[in-house]
PDB file of all heavy atoms in Angstrom:
ATOM      1  N   SER A   1       0.841  -1.197  -0.002  1.00  0.00           N
ATOM      2  CA  SER A   1       0.002   0.000   0.002  1.00  0.00           C
ATOM      3  C   SER A   1       0.875   1.248  -0.002  1.00  0.00           C
ATOM      4  O   SER A   1       2.036   1.228   0.399  1.00  0.00           O
ATOM      5  CB  SER A   1      -0.935   0.023   1.227  1.00  0.00           C
ATOM      6  OG  SER A   1      -0.202  -0.003   2.433  1.00  0.00           O
ATOM      7  N   LEU A   2       0.268   2.321  -0.461  1.00  0.00           N
ATOM      8  CA  LEU A   2       0.901   3.664  -0.471  1.00  0.00           C
ATOM      9  C   LEU A   2       0.029   4.579   0.356  1.00  0.00           C
ATOM     10  O   LEU A   2      -1.200   4.601   0.180  1.00  0.00           O
ATOM     11  CB  LEU A   2       1.027   4.158  -1.890  1.00  0.00           C
ATOM     12  CG  LEU A   2       1.820   5.456  -2.099  1.00  0.00           C
ATOM     13  CD1 LEU A   2       3.292   5.223  -1.766  1.00  0.00           C
ATOM     14  CD2 LEU A   2       1.689   5.929  -3.550  1.00  0.00           C
ATOM     15  N   THR A   3       0.628   5.354   1.279  1.00  0.00           N
ATOM     16  CA  THR A   3      -0.186   6.168   2.202  1.00  0.00           C
ATOM     17  C   THR A   3       0.313   7.606   2.259  1.00  0.00           C
ATOM     18  O   THR A   3       1.476   7.896   1.980  1.00  0.00           O
ATOM     19  CB  THR A   3      -0.142   5.594   3.621  1.00  0.00           C
ATOM     20  OG1 THR A   3       1.156   5.803   4.193  1.00  0.00           O
ATOM     21  CG2 THR A   3      -0.499   4.126   3.634  1.00  0.00           C
ATOM     22  N   LEU A   4      -0.602   8.484   2.643  1.00  0.00           N
ATOM     23  CA  LEU A   4      -0.277   9.864   3.009  1.00  0.00           C
ATOM     24  C   LEU A   4      -0.534   9.991   4.502  1.00  0.00           C
ATOM     25  O   LEU A   4      -1.632   9.762   4.969  1.00  0.00           O
ATOM     26  CB  LEU A   4      -1.164  10.847   2.229  1.00  0.00           C
ATOM     27  CG  LEU A   4      -1.057  12.325   2.665  1.00  0.00           C
ATOM     28  CD1 LEU A   4       0.342  12.863   2.413  1.00  0.00           C
ATOM     29  CD2 LEU A   4      -2.097  13.173   1.940  1.00  0.00           C
ATOM     30  N   ASP A   5       0.514  10.362   5.235  1.00  0.00           N
ATOM     31  CA  ASP A   5       0.434  10.469   6.687  1.00  0.00           C
ATOM     32  C   ASP A   5       0.483  11.944   7.061  1.00  0.00           C
ATOM     33  O   ASP A   5       1.397  12.670   6.648  1.00  0.00           O
ATOM     34  CB  ASP A   5       1.620   9.722   7.308  1.00  0.00           C
ATOM     35  CG  ASP A   5       1.351   9.312   8.746  1.00  0.00           C
ATOM     36  OD1 ASP A   5       0.175   9.108   9.088  1.00  0.00           O
ATOM     37  OD2 ASP A   5       2.319   9.195   9.514  1.00  0.00           O
ATOM     38  N   ILE A   6      -0.492  12.406   7.834  1.00  0.00           N
ATOM     39  CA  ILE A   6      -0.549  13.783   8.298  1.00  0.00           C
ATOM     40  C   ILE A   6      -0.258  13.824   9.787  1.00  0.00           C
ATOM     41  O   ILE A   6      -0.942  13.145  10.570  1.00  0.00           O
ATOM     42  CB  ILE A   6      -1.925  14.420   8.008  1.00  0.00           C
ATOM     43  CG1 ILE A   6      -2.266  14.304   6.511  1.00  0.00           C
ATOM     44  CG2 ILE A   6      -1.934  15.865   8.452  1.00  0.00           C
ATOM     45  CD1 ILE A   6      -1.318  15.017   5.591  1.00  0.00           C
ATOM     46  N   ALA A   7       0.744  14.609  10.170  1.00  0.00           N
ATOM     47  CA  ALA A   7       1.206  14.699  11.574  1.00  0.00           C
ATOM     48  C   ALA A   7       1.665  13.302  12.010  1.00  0.00           C
ATOM     49  O   ALA A   7       2.295  12.581  11.280  1.00  0.00           O
ATOM     50  CB  ALA A   7       0.131  15.280  12.460  1.00  0.00           C
ATOM     51  N   GLY A   8       1.318  12.905  13.259  1.00  0.00           N
ATOM     52  CA  GLY A   8       1.670  11.568  13.718  1.00  0.00           C
ATOM     53  C   GLY A   8       3.143  11.226  13.634  1.00  0.00           C
ATOM     54  O   GLY A   8       3.998  11.955  14.128  1.00  0.00           O
ATOM     55  N   ASN A   9       3.444  10.092  12.975  1.00  0.00           N
ATOM     56  CA  ASN A   9       4.834   9.613  12.877  1.00  0.00           C
ATOM     57  C   ASN A   9       5.731  10.585  12.154  1.00  0.00           C
ATOM     58  O   ASN A   9       6.920  10.622  12.397  1.00  0.00           O
ATOM     59  CB  ASN A   9       4.864   8.272  12.115  1.00  0.00           C
ATOM     60  CG  ASN A   9       4.023   7.199  12.752  1.00  0.00           C
ATOM     61  OD1 ASN A   9       4.260   6.804  13.892  1.00  0.00           O
ATOM     62  ND2 ASN A   9       3.006   6.734  12.043  1.00  0.00           N
ATOM     63  N   SER A  10       5.157  11.359  11.224  1.00  0.00           N
ATOM     64  CA  SER A  10       5.961  12.158  10.320  1.00  0.00           C
ATOM     65  C   SER A  10       6.283  13.562  10.822  1.00  0.00           C
ATOM     66  O   SER A  10       7.118  14.244  10.257  1.00  0.00           O
ATOM     67  CB  SER A  10       5.238  12.263   8.964  1.00  0.00           C
ATOM     68  OG  SER A  10       3.958  12.863   9.150  1.00  0.00           O
ATOM     69  N   GLY A  11       5.592  14.006  11.856  1.00  0.00           N
ATOM     70  CA  GLY A  11       5.775  15.371  12.309  1.00  0.00           C
ATOM     71  C   GLY A  11       4.777  16.298  11.627  1.00  0.00           C
ATOM     72  O   GLY A  11       3.880  16.873  12.248  1.00  0.00           O
ATOM     73  N   LEU A  12       4.917  16.464  10.310  1.00  0.00           N
ATOM     74  CA  LEU A  12       3.973  17.258   9.518  1.00  0.00           C
ATOM     75  C   LEU A  12       3.268  16.402   8.481  1.00  0.00           C
ATOM     76  O   LEU A  12       2.066  16.304   8.456  1.00  0.00           O
ATOM     77  CB  LEU A  12       4.695  18.428   8.841  1.00  0.00           C
ATOM     78  CG  LEU A  12       5.219  19.513   9.754  1.00  0.00           C
ATOM     79  CD1 LEU A  12       5.931  20.591   8.936  1.00  0.00           C
ATOM     80  CD2 LEU A  12       4.123  20.127  10.617  1.00  0.00           C
ATOM     81  N   TYR A  13       4.052  15.770   7.598  1.00  0.00           N
ATOM     82  CA  TYR A  13       3.459  14.858   6.632  1.00  0.00           C
ATOM     83  C   TYR A  13       4.552  13.972   6.055  1.00  0.00           C
ATOM     84  O   TYR A  13       5.743  14.277   6.116  1.00  0.00           O
ATOM     85  CB  TYR A  13       2.783  15.639   5.476  1.00  0.00           C
ATOM     86  CG  TYR A  13       3.713  15.846   4.293  1.00  0.00           C
ATOM     87  CD1 TYR A  13       3.652  14.984   3.174  1.00  0.00           C
ATOM     88  CD2 TYR A  13       4.665  16.871   4.273  1.00  0.00           C
ATOM     89  CE1 TYR A  13       4.509  15.162   2.107  1.00  0.00           C
ATOM     90  CE2 TYR A  13       5.518  17.035   3.213  1.00  0.00           C
ATOM     91  CZ  TYR A  13       5.449  16.184   2.118  1.00  0.00           C
ATOM     92  OH  TYR A  13       6.305  16.344   1.066  1.00  0.00           O
ATOM     93  N   SER A  14       4.144  12.837   5.476  1.00  0.00           N
ATOM     94  CA  SER A  14       5.064  11.990   4.742  1.00  0.00           C
ATOM     95  C   SER A  14       4.282  11.099   3.798  1.00  0.00           C
ATOM     96  O   SER A  14       3.096  10.833   4.019  1.00  0.00           O
ATOM     97  CB  SER A  14       5.938  11.133   5.675  1.00  0.00           C
ATOM     98  OG  SER A  14       5.135  10.228   6.413  1.00  0.00           O
ATOM     99  N   ILE A  15       4.939  10.677   2.744  1.00  0.00           N
ATOM    100  CA  ILE A  15       4.377   9.661   1.833  1.00  0.00           C
ATOM    101  C   ILE A  15       5.084   8.371   2.173  1.00  0.00           C
ATOM    102  O   ILE A  15       6.327   8.312   2.257  1.00  0.00           O
ATOM    103  CB  ILE A  15       4.605  10.061   0.370  1.00  0.00           C
ATOM    104  CG1 ILE A  15       3.827  11.346   0.061  1.00  0.00           C
ATOM    105  CG2 ILE A  15       4.178   8.951  -0.577  1.00  0.00           C
ATOM    106  CD1 ILE A  15       4.110  11.903  -1.317  1.00  0.00           C
ATOM    107  N   ASN A  16       4.311   7.295   2.369  1.00  0.00           N
ATOM    108  CA  ASN A  16       4.885   6.056   2.909  1.00  0.00           C
ATOM    109  C   ASN A  16       4.531   4.848   2.060  1.00  0.00           C
ATOM    110  O   ASN A  16       3.476   4.783   1.434  1.00  0.00           O
ATOM    111  CB  ASN A  16       4.338   5.810   4.326  1.00  0.00           C
ATOM    112  CG  ASN A  16       4.563   6.984   5.243  1.00  0.00           C
ATOM    113  OD1 ASN A  16       5.555   7.086   5.940  1.00  0.00           O
ATOM    114  ND2 ASN A  16       3.595   7.932   5.231  1.00  0.00           N
ATOM    115  N   GLY A  17       5.425   3.883   2.076  1.00  0.00           N
ATOM    116  CA  GLY A  17       5.144   2.562   1.552  1.00  0.00           C
ATOM    117  C   GLY A  17       4.939   1.616   2.707  1.00  0.00           C
ATOM    118  O   GLY A  17       5.674   1.683   3.712  1.00  0.00           O
ATOM    119  N   GLU A  18       3.900   0.761   2.656  1.00  0.00           N
ATOM    120  CA  GLU A  18       3.632  -0.207   3.704  1.00  0.00           C
ATOM    121  C   GLU A  18       3.597  -1.616   3.115  1.00  0.00           C
ATOM    122  O   GLU A  18       3.211  -1.807   1.970  1.00  0.00           O
ATOM    123  CB  GLU A  18       2.297   0.074   4.408  1.00  0.00           C
ATOM    124  CG  GLU A  18       2.274   1.357   5.205  1.00  0.00           C
ATOM    125  CD  GLU A  18       1.031   1.444   6.102  1.00  0.00           C
ATOM    126  OE1 GLU A  18       0.169   0.554   5.994  1.00  0.00           O
ATOM    127  OE2 GLU A  18       0.933   2.413   6.864  1.00  0.00           O
ATOM    128  N   TYR A  19       4.006  -2.586   3.926  1.00  0.00           N
ATOM    129  CA  TYR A  19       4.000  -3.981   3.479  1.00  0.00           C
ATOM    130  C   TYR A  19       3.492  -4.865   4.616  1.00  0.00           C
ATOM    131  O   TYR A  19       4.032  -4.837   5.736  1.00  0.00           O
ATOM    132  CB  TYR A  19       5.391  -4.429   3.062  1.00  0.00           C
ATOM    133  CG  TYR A  19       5.415  -5.839   2.521  1.00  0.00           C
ATOM    134  CD1 TYR A  19       4.893  -6.129   1.273  1.00  0.00           C
ATOM    135  CD2 TYR A  19       5.965  -6.881   3.263  1.00  0.00           C
ATOM    136  CE1 TYR A  19       4.920  -7.418   0.768  1.00  0.00           C
ATOM    137  CE2 TYR A  19       5.991  -8.180   2.786  1.00  0.00           C
ATOM    138  CZ  TYR A  19       5.457  -8.440   1.526  1.00  0.00           C
ATOM    139  OH  TYR A  19       5.472  -9.717   1.038  1.00  0.00           O
ATOM    140  N   LEU A  20       2.425  -5.629   4.342  1.00  0.00           N
ATOM    141  CA  LEU A  20       1.919  -6.572   5.322  1.00  0.00           C
ATOM    142  C   LEU A  20       2.799  -7.828   5.319  1.00  0.00           C
ATOM    143  O   LEU A  20       2.857  -8.530   4.318  1.00  0.00           O
ATOM    144  CB  LEU A  20       0.473  -6.952   5.003  1.00  0.00           C
ATOM    145  CG  LEU A  20      -0.554  -5.832   5.094  1.00  0.00           C
ATOM    146  CD1 LEU A  20      -1.954  -6.372   4.788  1.00  0.00           C
ATOM    147  CD2 LEU A  20      -0.543  -5.156   6.460  1.00  0.00           C
ATOM    148  N   ILE A  21       3.441  -8.084   6.432  1.00  0.00           N
ATOM    149  CA  ILE A  21       4.409  -9.195   6.491  1.00  0.00           C
ATOM    150  C   ILE A  21       3.712 -10.534   6.734  1.00  0.00           C
ATOM    151  O   ILE A  21       4.007 -11.525   6.049  1.00  0.00           O
ATOM    152  CB  ILE A  21       5.424  -8.929   7.634  1.00  0.00           C
ATOM    153  CG1 ILE A  21       6.175  -7.633   7.348  1.00  0.00           C
ATOM    154  CG2 ILE A  21       6.384 -10.108   7.756  1.00  0.00           C
ATOM    155  CD1 ILE A  21       7.073  -7.199   8.476  1.00  0.00           C
ATOM    156  N   LYS A  22       2.773 -10.569   7.670  1.00  0.00           N
ATOM    157  CA  LYS A  22       2.174 -11.854   8.032  1.00  0.00           C
ATOM    158  C   LYS A  22       0.855 -11.676   8.756  1.00  0.00           C
ATOM    159  O   LYS A  22       0.679 -10.726   9.509  1.00  0.00           O
ATOM    160  CB  LYS A  22       3.141 -12.652   8.916  1.00  0.00           C
ATOM    161  CG  LYS A  22       2.714 -14.092   9.206  1.00  0.00           C
ATOM    162  CD  LYS A  22       3.768 -14.827   9.984  1.00  0.00           C
ATOM    163  CE  LYS A  22       3.366 -16.247  10.313  1.00  0.00           C
ATOM    164  NZ  LYS A  22       3.152 -17.047   9.090  1.00  0.00           N
ATOM    165  N   LYS A  23      -0.095 -12.628   8.517  1.00  0.00           N
ATOM    166  CA  LYS A  23      -1.336 -12.710   9.270  1.00  0.00           C
ATOM    167  C   LYS A  23      -1.325 -13.975  10.107  1.00  0.00           C
ATOM    168  O   LYS A  23      -0.928 -15.034   9.589  1.00  0.00           O
ATOM    169  CB  LYS A  23      -2.538 -12.724   8.339  1.00  0.00           C
ATOM    170  CG  LYS A  23      -2.794 -11.419   7.607  1.00  0.00           C
ATOM    171  CD  LYS A  23      -3.980 -11.541   6.661  1.00  0.00           C
ATOM    172  CE  LYS A  23      -5.288 -11.741   7.412  1.00  0.00           C
ATOM    173  NZ  LYS A  23      -6.451 -11.813   6.509  1.00  0.00           N
ATOM    174  N   PHE A  24      -1.737 -13.869  11.377  1.00  0.00           N
ATOM    175  CA  PHE A  24      -1.758 -15.050  12.233  1.00  0.00           C
ATOM    176  C   PHE A  24      -2.730 -14.854  13.394  1.00  0.00           C
ATOM    177  O   PHE A  24      -2.664 -13.878  14.099  1.00  0.00           O
ATOM    178  CB  PHE A  24      -0.351 -15.375  12.767  1.00  0.00           C
ATOM    179  CG  PHE A  24       0.326 -14.206  13.436  1.00  0.00           C
ATOM    180  CD1 PHE A  24       0.285 -14.085  14.816  1.00  0.00           C
ATOM    181  CD2 PHE A  24       0.988 -13.253  12.696  1.00  0.00           C
ATOM    182  CE1 PHE A  24       0.899 -13.001  15.458  1.00  0.00           C
ATOM    183  CE2 PHE A  24       1.611 -12.165  13.332  1.00  0.00           C
ATOM    184  CZ  PHE A  24       1.553 -12.047  14.700  1.00  0.00           C
ATOM    185  N   ASN A  25      -3.692 -15.768  13.529  1.00  0.00           N
ATOM    186  CA  ASN A  25      -4.620 -15.789  14.666  1.00  0.00           C
ATOM    187  C   ASN A  25      -5.276 -14.444  14.978  1.00  0.00           C
ATOM    188  O   ASN A  25      -5.356 -14.031  16.122  1.00  0.00           O
ATOM    189  CB  ASN A  25      -3.873 -16.286  15.914  1.00  0.00           C
ATOM    190  CG  ASN A  25      -3.323 -17.703  15.736  1.00  0.00           C
ATOM    191  OD1 ASN A  25      -3.934 -18.530  15.061  1.00  0.00           O
ATOM    192  ND2 ASN A  25      -2.172 -17.950  16.348  1.00  0.00           N
ATOM    193  N   GLY A  26      -5.727 -13.751  13.953  1.00  0.00           N
ATOM    194  CA  GLY A  26      -6.410 -12.494  14.172  1.00  0.00           C
ATOM    195  C   GLY A  26      -5.483 -11.306  14.279  1.00  0.00           C
ATOM    196  O   GLY A  26      -5.920 -10.190  14.573  1.00  0.00           O
ATOM    197  N   TYR A  27      -4.197 -11.506  14.065  1.00  0.00           N
ATOM    198  CA  TYR A  27      -3.204 -10.429  14.094  1.00  0.00           C
ATOM    199  C   TYR A  27      -2.561 -10.253  12.715  1.00  0.00           C
ATOM    200  O   TYR A  27      -2.427 -11.228  11.955  1.00  0.00           O
ATOM    201  CB  TYR A  27      -2.106 -10.716  15.121  1.00  0.00           C
ATOM    202  CG  TYR A  27      -2.597 -10.832  16.532  1.00  0.00           C
ATOM    203  CD1 TYR A  27      -2.958 -12.071  17.059  1.00  0.00           C
ATOM    204  CD2 TYR A  27      -2.708  -9.716  17.354  1.00  0.00           C
ATOM    205  CE1 TYR A  27      -3.411 -12.206  18.364  1.00  0.00           C
ATOM    206  CE2 TYR A  27      -3.157  -9.834  18.658  1.00  0.00           C
ATOM    207  CZ  TYR A  27      -3.502 -11.058  19.152  1.00  0.00           C
ATOM    208  OH  TYR A  27      -3.954 -11.187  20.451  1.00  0.00           O
ATOM    209  N   THR A  28      -2.188  -9.034  12.399  1.00  0.00           N
ATOM    210  CA  THR A  28      -1.503  -8.743  11.132  1.00  0.00           C
ATOM    211  C   THR A  28      -0.295  -7.863  11.425  1.00  0.00           C
ATOM    212  O   THR A  28      -0.434  -6.807  12.042  1.00  0.00           O
ATOM    213  CB  THR A  28      -2.433  -8.030  10.143  1.00  0.00           C
ATOM    214  OG1 THR A  28      -3.620  -8.800   9.956  1.00  0.00           O
ATOM    215  CG2 THR A  28      -1.730  -7.868   8.798  1.00  0.00           C
ATOM    216  N   LEU A  29       0.868  -8.300  10.982  1.00  0.00           N
ATOM    217  CA  LEU A  29       2.104  -7.549  11.187  1.00  0.00           C
ATOM    218  C   LEU A  29       2.437  -6.740   9.940  1.00  0.00           C
ATOM    219  O   LEU A  29       2.417  -7.269   8.820  1.00  0.00           O
ATOM    220  CB  LEU A  29       3.257  -8.512  11.512  1.00  0.00           C
ATOM    221  CG  LEU A  29       4.609  -7.869  11.858  1.00  0.00           C
ATOM    222  CD1 LEU A  29       4.479  -6.993  13.114  1.00  0.00           C
ATOM    223  CD2 LEU A  29       5.661  -8.948  12.050  1.00  0.00           C
ATOM    224  N   ASN A  30       2.753  -5.469  10.137  1.00  0.00           N
ATOM    225  CA  ASN A  30       2.947  -4.531   9.044  1.00  0.00           C
ATOM    226  C   ASN A  30       4.240  -3.732   9.226  1.00  0.00           C
ATOM    227  O   ASN A  30       4.554  -3.313  10.346  1.00  0.00           O
ATOM    228  CB  ASN A  30       1.739  -3.570   8.994  1.00  0.00           C
ATOM    229  CG  ASN A  30       1.866  -2.504   7.942  1.00  0.00           C
ATOM    230  OD1 ASN A  30       1.715  -2.791   6.762  1.00  0.00           O
ATOM    231  ND2 ASN A  30       2.132  -1.280   8.370  1.00  0.00           N
ATOM    232  N   ALA A  31       4.970  -3.511   8.148  1.00  0.00           N
ATOM    233  CA  ALA A  31       6.182  -2.666   8.190  1.00  0.00           C
ATOM    234  C   ALA A  31       5.962  -1.451   7.299  1.00  0.00           C
ATOM    235  O   ALA A  31       5.244  -1.519   6.297  1.00  0.00           O
ATOM    236  CB  ALA A  31       7.392  -3.444   7.714  1.00  0.00           C
ATOM    237  N   ARG A  32       6.573  -0.326   7.655  1.00  0.00           N
ATOM    238  CA  ARG A  32       6.368   0.901   6.891  1.00  0.00           C
ATOM    239  C   ARG A  32       7.634   1.752   6.849  1.00  0.00           C
ATOM    240  O   ARG A  32       8.469   1.680   7.745  1.00  0.00           O
ATOM    241  CB  ARG A  32       5.233   1.733   7.489  1.00  0.00           C
ATOM    242  CG  ARG A  32       5.465   2.056   8.964  1.00  0.00           C
ATOM    243  CD  ARG A  32       4.320   2.866   9.570  1.00  0.00           C
ATOM    244  NE  ARG A  32       4.470   2.980  11.010  1.00  0.00           N
ATOM    245  CZ  ARG A  32       5.328   3.796  11.625  1.00  0.00           C
ATOM    246  NH1 ARG A  32       6.110   4.585  10.887  1.00  0.00           N
ATOM    247  NH2 ARG A  32       5.398   3.823  12.949  1.00  0.00           N
ATOM    248  N   ALA A  33       7.764   2.550   5.785  1.00  0.00           N
ATOM    249  CA  ALA A  33       8.854   3.510   5.650  1.00  0.00           C
ATOM    250  C   ALA A  33       8.355   4.661   4.797  1.00  0.00           C
ATOM    251  O   ALA A  33       7.554   4.476   3.876  1.00  0.00           O
ATOM    252  CB  ALA A  33      10.064   2.852   4.985  1.00  0.00           C
TER     253      ALA A  33
END
């Protein structure tokens, strides 16, 4: 996925790439940059 982040992690804004690594027992692990 591709995201636009406002405030939060980025301070003001950032464009991010996200990747879902794994799903297991109702949980989903995700990495972002």
